[in-house]
């Protein structure tokens, strides 16, 4: 009886190990959205490799940046500020200075960025022999 239990345990252990031998890239994403009666803020931290994707997305929505340095790209105007650096984006809006439609545009931009940063689906677990 002990031998049967041992063989079953061994077989289950081998099956579990076979299933755990898959590889996939992990994506680390942190998003924080906050708002008060007077301010809107969106902060995302992500893998550095996605920075160019996010920059393209922001440029499509906001146009050419006002400032570009070796470490930071900035879009700013009356009532808003967007700062993009490697692996990090900050969007701030002053609700008292922005129109409702422009505030909605900033909020939608945050949603689009979050969607672009969505983690890839992990690969399927291989079937056991």
N, C-alpha and C. Protein backbone atom coordinates (compact mmCIF):
# COMPACT_ATOMS: atom_id res chain seq x y z
N UNK A 1 0.83 -1.19 0.00
CA UNK A 1 0.00 0.00 0.00
C UNK A 1 0.87 1.26 0.00
N UNK A 2 1.94 1.24 0.83
CA UNK A 2 2.85 2.39 0.87
C UNK A 2 3.52 2.60 -0.48
N UNK A 3 3.82 1.51 -1.15
CA UNK A 3 4.47 1.61 -2.46
C UNK A 3 3.53 2.26 -3.48
N UNK A 4 2.25 1.94 -3.42
CA UNK A 4 1.27 2.53 -4.34
C UNK A 4 1.13 4.03 -4.06
N UNK A 5 1.04 4.40 -2.81
CA UNK A 5 0.94 5.82 -2.44
C UNK A 5 2.19 6.57 -2.88
N UNK A 6 3.34 5.92 -2.69
CA UNK A 6 4.59 6.55 -3.10
C UNK A 6 4.61 6.76 -4.62
N UNK A 7 4.20 5.76 -5.39
CA UNK A 7 4.19 5.87 -6.85
C UNK A 7 3.19 6.93 -7.33
N UNK A 8 2.03 7.00 -6.69
CA UNK A 8 1.04 8.02 -7.05
C UNK A 8 1.60 9.41 -6.75
N UNK A 9 2.22 9.57 -5.59
CA UNK A 9 2.82 10.86 -5.21
C UNK A 9 3.92 11.24 -6.19
N UNK A 10 4.73 10.28 -6.57
CA UNK A 10 5.81 10.53 -7.51
C UNK A 10 5.24 10.95 -8.87
N UNK A 11 4.21 10.27 -9.33
CA UNK A 11 3.58 10.61 -10.61
C UNK A 11 2.98 12.01 -10.57
N UNK A 12 2.29 12.35 -9.50
CA UNK A 12 1.70 13.69 -9.36
C UNK A 12 2.80 14.75 -9.33
N UNK A 13 3.87 14.48 -8.62
CA UNK A 13 4.99 15.42 -8.57
C UNK A 13 5.60 15.65 -9.95
N UNK A 14 5.75 14.62 -10.73
CA UNK A 14 6.30 14.76 -12.08
C UNK A 14 5.35 15.56 -12.96
N UNK A 15 4.05 15.31 -12.84
CA UNK A 15 3.06 16.06 -13.63
C UNK A 15 3.09 17.55 -13.27
N UNK A 16 3.17 17.84 -11.99
CA UNK A 16 3.21 19.24 -11.55
C UNK A 16 4.47 19.91 -12.06
N UNK A 17 5.60 19.24 -11.99
CA UNK A 17 6.85 19.82 -12.49
C UNK A 17 6.77 20.06 -13.99
N UNK A 18 6.16 19.16 -14.73
CA UNK A 18 6.04 19.32 -16.18
C UNK A 18 5.18 20.54 -16.50
N UNK A 19 4.15 20.77 -15.71
CA UNK A 19 3.29 21.93 -15.95
C UNK A 19 3.97 23.23 -15.57
N UNK A 20 4.86 23.21 -14.63
CA UNK A 20 5.52 24.43 -14.17
C UNK A 20 6.74 24.81 -15.01
N UNK A 21 7.08 24.04 -16.02
CA UNK A 21 8.25 24.33 -16.84
C UNK A 21 7.92 25.22 -18.03
N UNK A 22 6.90 26.06 -17.92
CA UNK A 22 6.60 27.01 -18.98
C UNK A 22 7.30 28.32 -18.68
N UNK A 23 7.57 29.07 -19.72
CA UNK A 23 8.19 30.37 -19.52
C UNK A 23 7.34 31.43 -20.17
N UNK A 24 7.31 32.59 -19.56
CA UNK A 24 6.65 33.75 -20.14
C UNK A 24 7.23 35.00 -19.52
N UNK A 25 7.15 36.08 -20.27
CA UNK A 25 7.66 37.33 -19.76
C UNK A 25 6.67 37.90 -18.75
N UNK A 26 7.18 38.36 -17.64
CA UNK A 26 6.30 39.01 -16.69
C UNK A 26 6.42 40.51 -16.89
N UNK A 27 5.30 41.16 -16.76
CA UNK A 27 5.26 42.59 -16.93
C UNK A 27 4.86 43.20 -15.61
N UNK A 28 5.64 44.14 -15.15
CA UNK A 28 5.33 44.81 -13.90
C UNK A 28 4.69 46.15 -14.24
N UNK A 29 3.46 46.33 -13.80
CA UNK A 29 2.73 47.55 -14.07
C UNK A 29 2.09 48.02 -12.77
N UNK A 30 2.24 49.30 -12.49
CA UNK A 30 1.60 49.92 -11.35
C UNK A 30 0.90 51.18 -11.83
N UNK A 31 -0.40 51.27 -11.58
CA UNK A 31 -1.18 52.42 -12.02
C UNK A 31 -1.90 53.00 -10.81
N UNK A 32 -1.82 54.32 -10.69
CA UNK A 32 -2.51 55.03 -9.62
C UNK A 32 -3.28 56.20 -10.23
N UNK A 33 -4.58 56.24 -9.97
CA UNK A 33 -5.42 57.32 -10.46
C UNK A 33 -6.09 57.96 -9.26
N UNK A 34 -5.99 59.27 -9.18
CA UNK A 34 -6.65 59.95 -8.07
C UNK A 34 -7.28 61.25 -8.55
N UNK A 35 -8.25 61.68 -7.81
CA UNK A 35 -8.91 62.92 -8.18
C UNK A 35 -9.59 63.55 -6.97
N UNK A 36 -9.62 64.85 -6.99
CA UNK A 36 -10.34 65.61 -5.99
C UNK A 36 -11.28 66.54 -6.75
N UNK A 37 -11.93 67.42 -6.04
CA UNK A 37 -12.80 68.39 -6.71
C UNK A 37 -12.00 69.32 -7.62
N UNK A 38 -10.70 69.48 -7.32
CA UNK A 38 -9.91 70.44 -8.08
C UNK A 38 -8.79 69.83 -8.92
N UNK A 39 -8.43 68.56 -8.69
CA UNK A 39 -7.28 67.97 -9.38
C UNK A 39 -7.57 66.56 -9.89
N UNK A 40 -6.87 66.21 -10.97
CA UNK A 40 -6.87 64.85 -11.52
C UNK A 40 -5.42 64.43 -11.64
N UNK A 41 -5.12 63.18 -11.27
CA UNK A 41 -3.76 62.69 -11.37
C UNK A 41 -3.76 61.23 -11.80
N UNK A 42 -2.86 60.91 -12.74
CA UNK A 42 -2.68 59.55 -13.23
C UNK A 42 -1.18 59.27 -13.21
N UNK A 43 -0.78 58.20 -12.55
CA UNK A 43 0.63 57.82 -12.50
C UNK A 43 0.73 56.34 -12.85
N UNK A 44 1.60 56.03 -13.80
CA UNK A 44 1.83 54.63 -14.16
C UNK A 44 3.33 54.37 -14.18
N UNK A 45 3.71 53.23 -13.63
CA UNK A 45 5.09 52.75 -13.69
C UNK A 45 5.03 51.41 -14.41
N UNK A 46 5.96 51.19 -15.32
CA UNK A 46 5.88 50.03 -16.19
C UNK A 46 7.27 49.66 -16.68
N UNK A 47 7.35 48.53 -17.39
CA UNK A 47 8.62 48.08 -17.97
C UNK A 47 9.13 49.12 -18.95
N UNK A 48 10.41 49.42 -18.88
CA UNK A 48 11.02 50.46 -19.72
C UNK A 48 10.82 50.22 -21.21
N UNK A 49 10.71 48.96 -21.61
CA UNK A 49 10.55 48.63 -23.03
C UNK A 49 9.27 49.20 -23.62
N UNK A 50 8.29 49.51 -22.78
CA UNK A 50 7.00 50.02 -23.26
C UNK A 50 6.99 51.54 -23.39
N UNK A 51 8.07 52.21 -23.03
CA UNK A 51 8.10 53.68 -23.04
C UNK A 51 7.82 54.25 -24.43
N UNK A 52 8.42 53.69 -25.47
CA UNK A 52 8.20 54.23 -26.81
C UNK A 52 6.75 54.03 -27.27
N UNK A 53 6.15 52.93 -26.89
CA UNK A 53 4.74 52.69 -27.21
C UNK A 53 3.85 53.75 -26.55
N UNK A 54 4.14 54.05 -25.29
CA UNK A 54 3.36 55.04 -24.56
C UNK A 54 3.61 56.43 -25.14
N UNK A 55 4.84 56.74 -25.52
CA UNK A 55 5.13 58.04 -26.12
C UNK A 55 4.35 58.22 -27.43
N UNK A 56 4.32 57.19 -28.25
CA UNK A 56 3.56 57.27 -29.51
C UNK A 56 2.08 57.50 -29.23
N UNK A 57 1.55 56.81 -28.25
CA UNK A 57 0.14 56.95 -27.90
C UNK A 57 -0.17 58.38 -27.42
N UNK A 58 0.69 58.92 -26.55
CA UNK A 58 0.47 60.28 -26.04
C UNK A 58 0.60 61.30 -27.17
N UNK A 59 1.59 61.14 -28.03
CA UNK A 59 1.75 62.07 -29.15
C UNK A 59 0.55 62.04 -30.08
N UNK A 60 -0.02 60.88 -30.28
CA UNK A 60 -1.21 60.76 -31.13
C UNK A 60 -2.37 61.56 -30.53
N UNK A 61 -2.50 61.53 -29.20
CA UNK A 61 -3.60 62.22 -28.52
C UNK A 61 -3.33 63.70 -28.25
N UNK A 62 -2.08 64.02 -27.92
CA UNK A 62 -1.76 65.37 -27.44
C UNK A 62 -0.91 66.19 -28.39
N UNK A 63 -0.41 65.58 -29.44
CA UNK A 63 0.44 66.29 -30.38
C UNK A 63 1.90 66.27 -29.95
N UNK A 64 2.67 67.11 -30.59
CA UNK A 64 4.11 67.18 -30.34
C UNK A 64 4.37 67.68 -28.92
N UNK A 65 5.34 67.08 -28.22
CA UNK A 65 5.65 67.54 -26.86
C UNK A 65 6.28 68.94 -26.86
N UNK A 66 6.08 69.67 -25.78
CA UNK A 66 6.68 71.00 -25.65
C UNK A 66 8.16 70.92 -25.29
N UNK A 67 8.54 69.90 -24.54
CA UNK A 67 9.93 69.77 -24.10
C UNK A 67 10.37 68.32 -24.23
N UNK A 68 11.56 68.11 -24.77
CA UNK A 68 12.15 66.78 -24.85
C UNK A 68 13.60 66.88 -24.42
N UNK A 69 13.96 66.09 -23.42
CA UNK A 69 15.36 66.02 -22.98
C UNK A 69 15.82 64.57 -23.14
N UNK A 70 17.02 64.29 -22.73
CA UNK A 70 17.53 62.92 -22.86
C UNK A 70 16.81 61.96 -21.91
N UNK A 71 16.16 62.47 -20.88
CA UNK A 71 15.51 61.59 -19.90
C UNK A 71 14.01 61.80 -19.76
N UNK A 72 13.47 62.85 -20.35
CA UNK A 72 12.07 63.17 -20.11
C UNK A 72 11.43 63.84 -21.32
N UNK A 73 10.15 63.53 -21.52
CA UNK A 73 9.35 64.18 -22.55
C UNK A 73 8.16 64.81 -21.84
N UNK A 74 7.89 66.09 -22.15
CA UNK A 74 6.85 66.82 -21.42
C UNK A 74 5.87 67.48 -22.38
N UNK A 75 4.60 67.29 -22.08
CA UNK A 75 3.51 68.01 -22.72
C UNK A 75 2.89 68.86 -21.62
N UNK A 76 2.70 70.12 -21.88
CA UNK A 76 2.06 70.96 -20.86
C UNK A 76 1.32 72.11 -21.51
N UNK A 77 0.35 72.58 -20.79
CA UNK A 77 -0.45 73.69 -21.26
C UNK A 77 -1.23 74.25 -20.08
N UNK A 78 -2.16 75.11 -20.37
CA UNK A 78 -2.93 75.73 -19.30
C UNK A 78 -3.77 74.67 -18.57
N UNK A 79 -3.36 74.36 -17.37
CA UNK A 79 -4.11 73.44 -16.53
C UNK A 79 -3.72 71.98 -16.60
N UNK A 80 -2.74 71.62 -17.44
CA UNK A 80 -2.33 70.21 -17.47
C UNK A 80 -0.83 70.07 -17.63
N UNK A 81 -0.34 68.90 -17.23
CA UNK A 81 1.08 68.58 -17.29
C UNK A 81 1.20 67.07 -17.49
N UNK A 82 1.97 66.66 -18.50
CA UNK A 82 2.23 65.24 -18.75
C UNK A 82 3.73 65.07 -18.84
N UNK A 83 4.26 64.17 -18.03
CA UNK A 83 5.69 63.90 -18.01
C UNK A 83 5.91 62.41 -18.25
N UNK A 84 6.71 62.11 -19.28
CA UNK A 84 7.04 60.72 -19.61
C UNK A 84 8.54 60.54 -19.51
N UNK A 85 8.94 59.57 -18.71
CA UNK A 85 10.34 59.18 -18.64
C UNK A 85 10.39 57.66 -18.77
N UNK A 86 11.54 57.10 -18.79
CA UNK A 86 11.68 55.66 -19.02
C UNK A 86 10.94 54.86 -17.93
N UNK A 87 9.86 54.18 -18.35
CA UNK A 87 9.11 53.34 -17.42
C UNK A 87 8.17 54.08 -16.49
N UNK A 88 7.86 55.35 -16.78
CA UNK A 88 7.00 56.13 -15.87
C UNK A 88 6.30 57.25 -16.64
N UNK A 89 5.00 57.41 -16.37
CA UNK A 89 4.25 58.55 -16.92
C UNK A 89 3.39 59.16 -15.83
N UNK A 90 3.34 60.48 -15.83
CA UNK A 90 2.52 61.24 -14.89
C UNK A 90 1.65 62.19 -15.69
N UNK A 91 0.36 62.17 -15.42
CA UNK A 91 -0.58 63.11 -16.02
C UNK A 91 -1.26 63.85 -14.87
N UNK A 92 -1.20 65.17 -14.91
CA UNK A 92 -1.87 65.98 -13.89
C UNK A 92 -2.75 67.01 -14.57
N UNK A 93 -3.92 67.22 -14.01
CA UNK A 93 -4.84 68.20 -14.55
C UNK A 93 -5.47 69.02 -13.44
N UNK A 94 -5.57 70.32 -13.65
CA UNK A 94 -6.23 71.23 -12.72
C UNK A 94 -7.66 71.43 -13.22
N UNK A 95 -8.61 70.82 -12.54
CA UNK A 95 -10.00 70.84 -12.98
C UNK A 95 -10.59 72.25 -13.05
N UNK A 96 -10.03 73.16 -12.28
CA UNK A 96 -10.53 74.54 -12.30
C UNK A 96 -10.10 75.29 -13.56
N UNK A 97 -9.02 74.82 -14.20
CA UNK A 97 -8.51 75.50 -15.39
C UNK A 97 -8.85 74.78 -16.69
N UNK A 98 -9.29 73.54 -16.60
CA UNK A 98 -9.57 72.74 -17.80
C UNK A 98 -11.06 72.73 -18.11
N UNK A 99 -11.37 72.65 -19.40
CA UNK A 99 -12.76 72.44 -19.77
C UNK A 99 -13.12 71.00 -19.46
N UNK A 100 -14.40 70.75 -19.33
CA UNK A 100 -14.85 69.39 -19.03
C UNK A 100 -14.43 68.43 -20.15
N UNK A 101 -14.51 68.87 -21.39
CA UNK A 101 -14.13 68.00 -22.51
C UNK A 101 -12.63 67.69 -22.52
N UNK A 102 -11.80 68.67 -22.15
CA UNK A 102 -10.36 68.41 -22.12
C UNK A 102 -10.01 67.50 -20.95
N UNK A 103 -10.68 67.67 -19.82
CA UNK A 103 -10.47 66.78 -18.68
C UNK A 103 -10.85 65.35 -19.07
N UNK A 104 -11.94 65.20 -19.78
CA UNK A 104 -12.36 63.88 -20.26
C UNK A 104 -11.30 63.30 -21.19
N UNK A 105 -10.70 64.14 -22.03
CA UNK A 105 -9.64 63.69 -22.93
C UNK A 105 -8.44 63.18 -22.12
N UNK A 106 -8.06 63.87 -21.05
CA UNK A 106 -6.96 63.40 -20.20
C UNK A 106 -7.31 62.07 -19.53
N UNK A 107 -8.53 61.96 -19.04
CA UNK A 107 -8.97 60.72 -18.39
C UNK A 107 -8.98 59.57 -19.39
N UNK A 108 -9.46 59.84 -20.61
CA UNK A 108 -9.46 58.80 -21.65
C UNK A 108 -8.03 58.40 -22.04
N UNK A 109 -7.12 59.37 -22.05
CA UNK A 109 -5.72 59.07 -22.32
C UNK A 109 -5.18 58.11 -21.26
N UNK A 110 -5.51 58.36 -20.01
CA UNK A 110 -5.09 57.45 -18.94
C UNK A 110 -5.63 56.05 -19.16
N UNK A 111 -6.89 55.94 -19.58
CA UNK A 111 -7.48 54.63 -19.86
C UNK A 111 -6.75 53.94 -21.02
N UNK A 112 -6.42 54.69 -22.05
CA UNK A 112 -5.72 54.11 -23.20
C UNK A 112 -4.33 53.63 -22.81
N UNK A 113 -3.66 54.41 -21.97
CA UNK A 113 -2.34 54.00 -21.49
C UNK A 113 -2.45 52.72 -20.68
N UNK A 114 -3.42 52.66 -19.79
CA UNK A 114 -3.62 51.44 -18.99
C UNK A 114 -3.88 50.23 -19.88
N UNK A 115 -4.68 50.40 -20.91
CA UNK A 115 -4.95 49.30 -21.85
C UNK A 115 -3.69 48.89 -22.59
N UNK A 116 -2.87 49.86 -22.99
CA UNK A 116 -1.62 49.56 -23.70
C UNK A 116 -0.63 48.83 -22.80
N UNK A 117 -0.71 49.06 -21.50
CA UNK A 117 0.21 48.44 -20.56
C UNK A 117 -0.28 47.09 -20.06
N UNK A 118 -1.43 46.66 -20.50
CA UNK A 118 -2.00 45.41 -20.01
C UNK A 118 -1.01 44.28 -20.21
N UNK A 119 -0.89 43.44 -19.21
CA UNK A 119 0.06 42.34 -19.25
C UNK A 119 -0.31 41.34 -20.34
N UNK A 120 0.70 40.76 -21.00
CA UNK A 120 0.39 39.75 -21.99
C UNK A 120 -0.18 38.51 -21.31
N UNK A 121 -0.99 37.75 -22.05
CA UNK A 121 -1.54 36.53 -21.49
C UNK A 121 -0.42 35.50 -21.39
N UNK A 122 -0.37 34.76 -20.27
CA UNK A 122 0.65 33.74 -20.15
C UNK A 122 0.40 32.61 -21.15
N UNK A 123 1.45 31.92 -21.55
CA UNK A 123 1.27 30.83 -22.51
C UNK A 123 0.46 29.69 -21.89
N UNK A 124 -0.10 28.86 -22.75
CA UNK A 124 -0.86 27.70 -22.27
C UNK A 124 0.09 26.71 -21.63
N UNK A 125 -0.42 26.04 -20.60
CA UNK A 125 0.37 25.02 -19.91
C UNK A 125 0.45 23.80 -20.81
N UNK A 126 1.66 23.26 -21.02
CA UNK A 126 1.77 22.08 -21.89
C UNK A 126 1.05 20.89 -21.30
N UNK A 127 0.56 20.04 -22.19
CA UNK A 127 -0.13 18.83 -21.75
C UNK A 127 0.88 17.83 -21.22
N UNK A 128 0.47 17.10 -20.21
CA UNK A 128 1.36 16.08 -19.65
C UNK A 128 1.33 14.86 -20.55
N UNK A 129 2.47 14.16 -20.62
CA UNK A 129 2.54 12.97 -21.49
C UNK A 129 1.69 11.83 -20.99
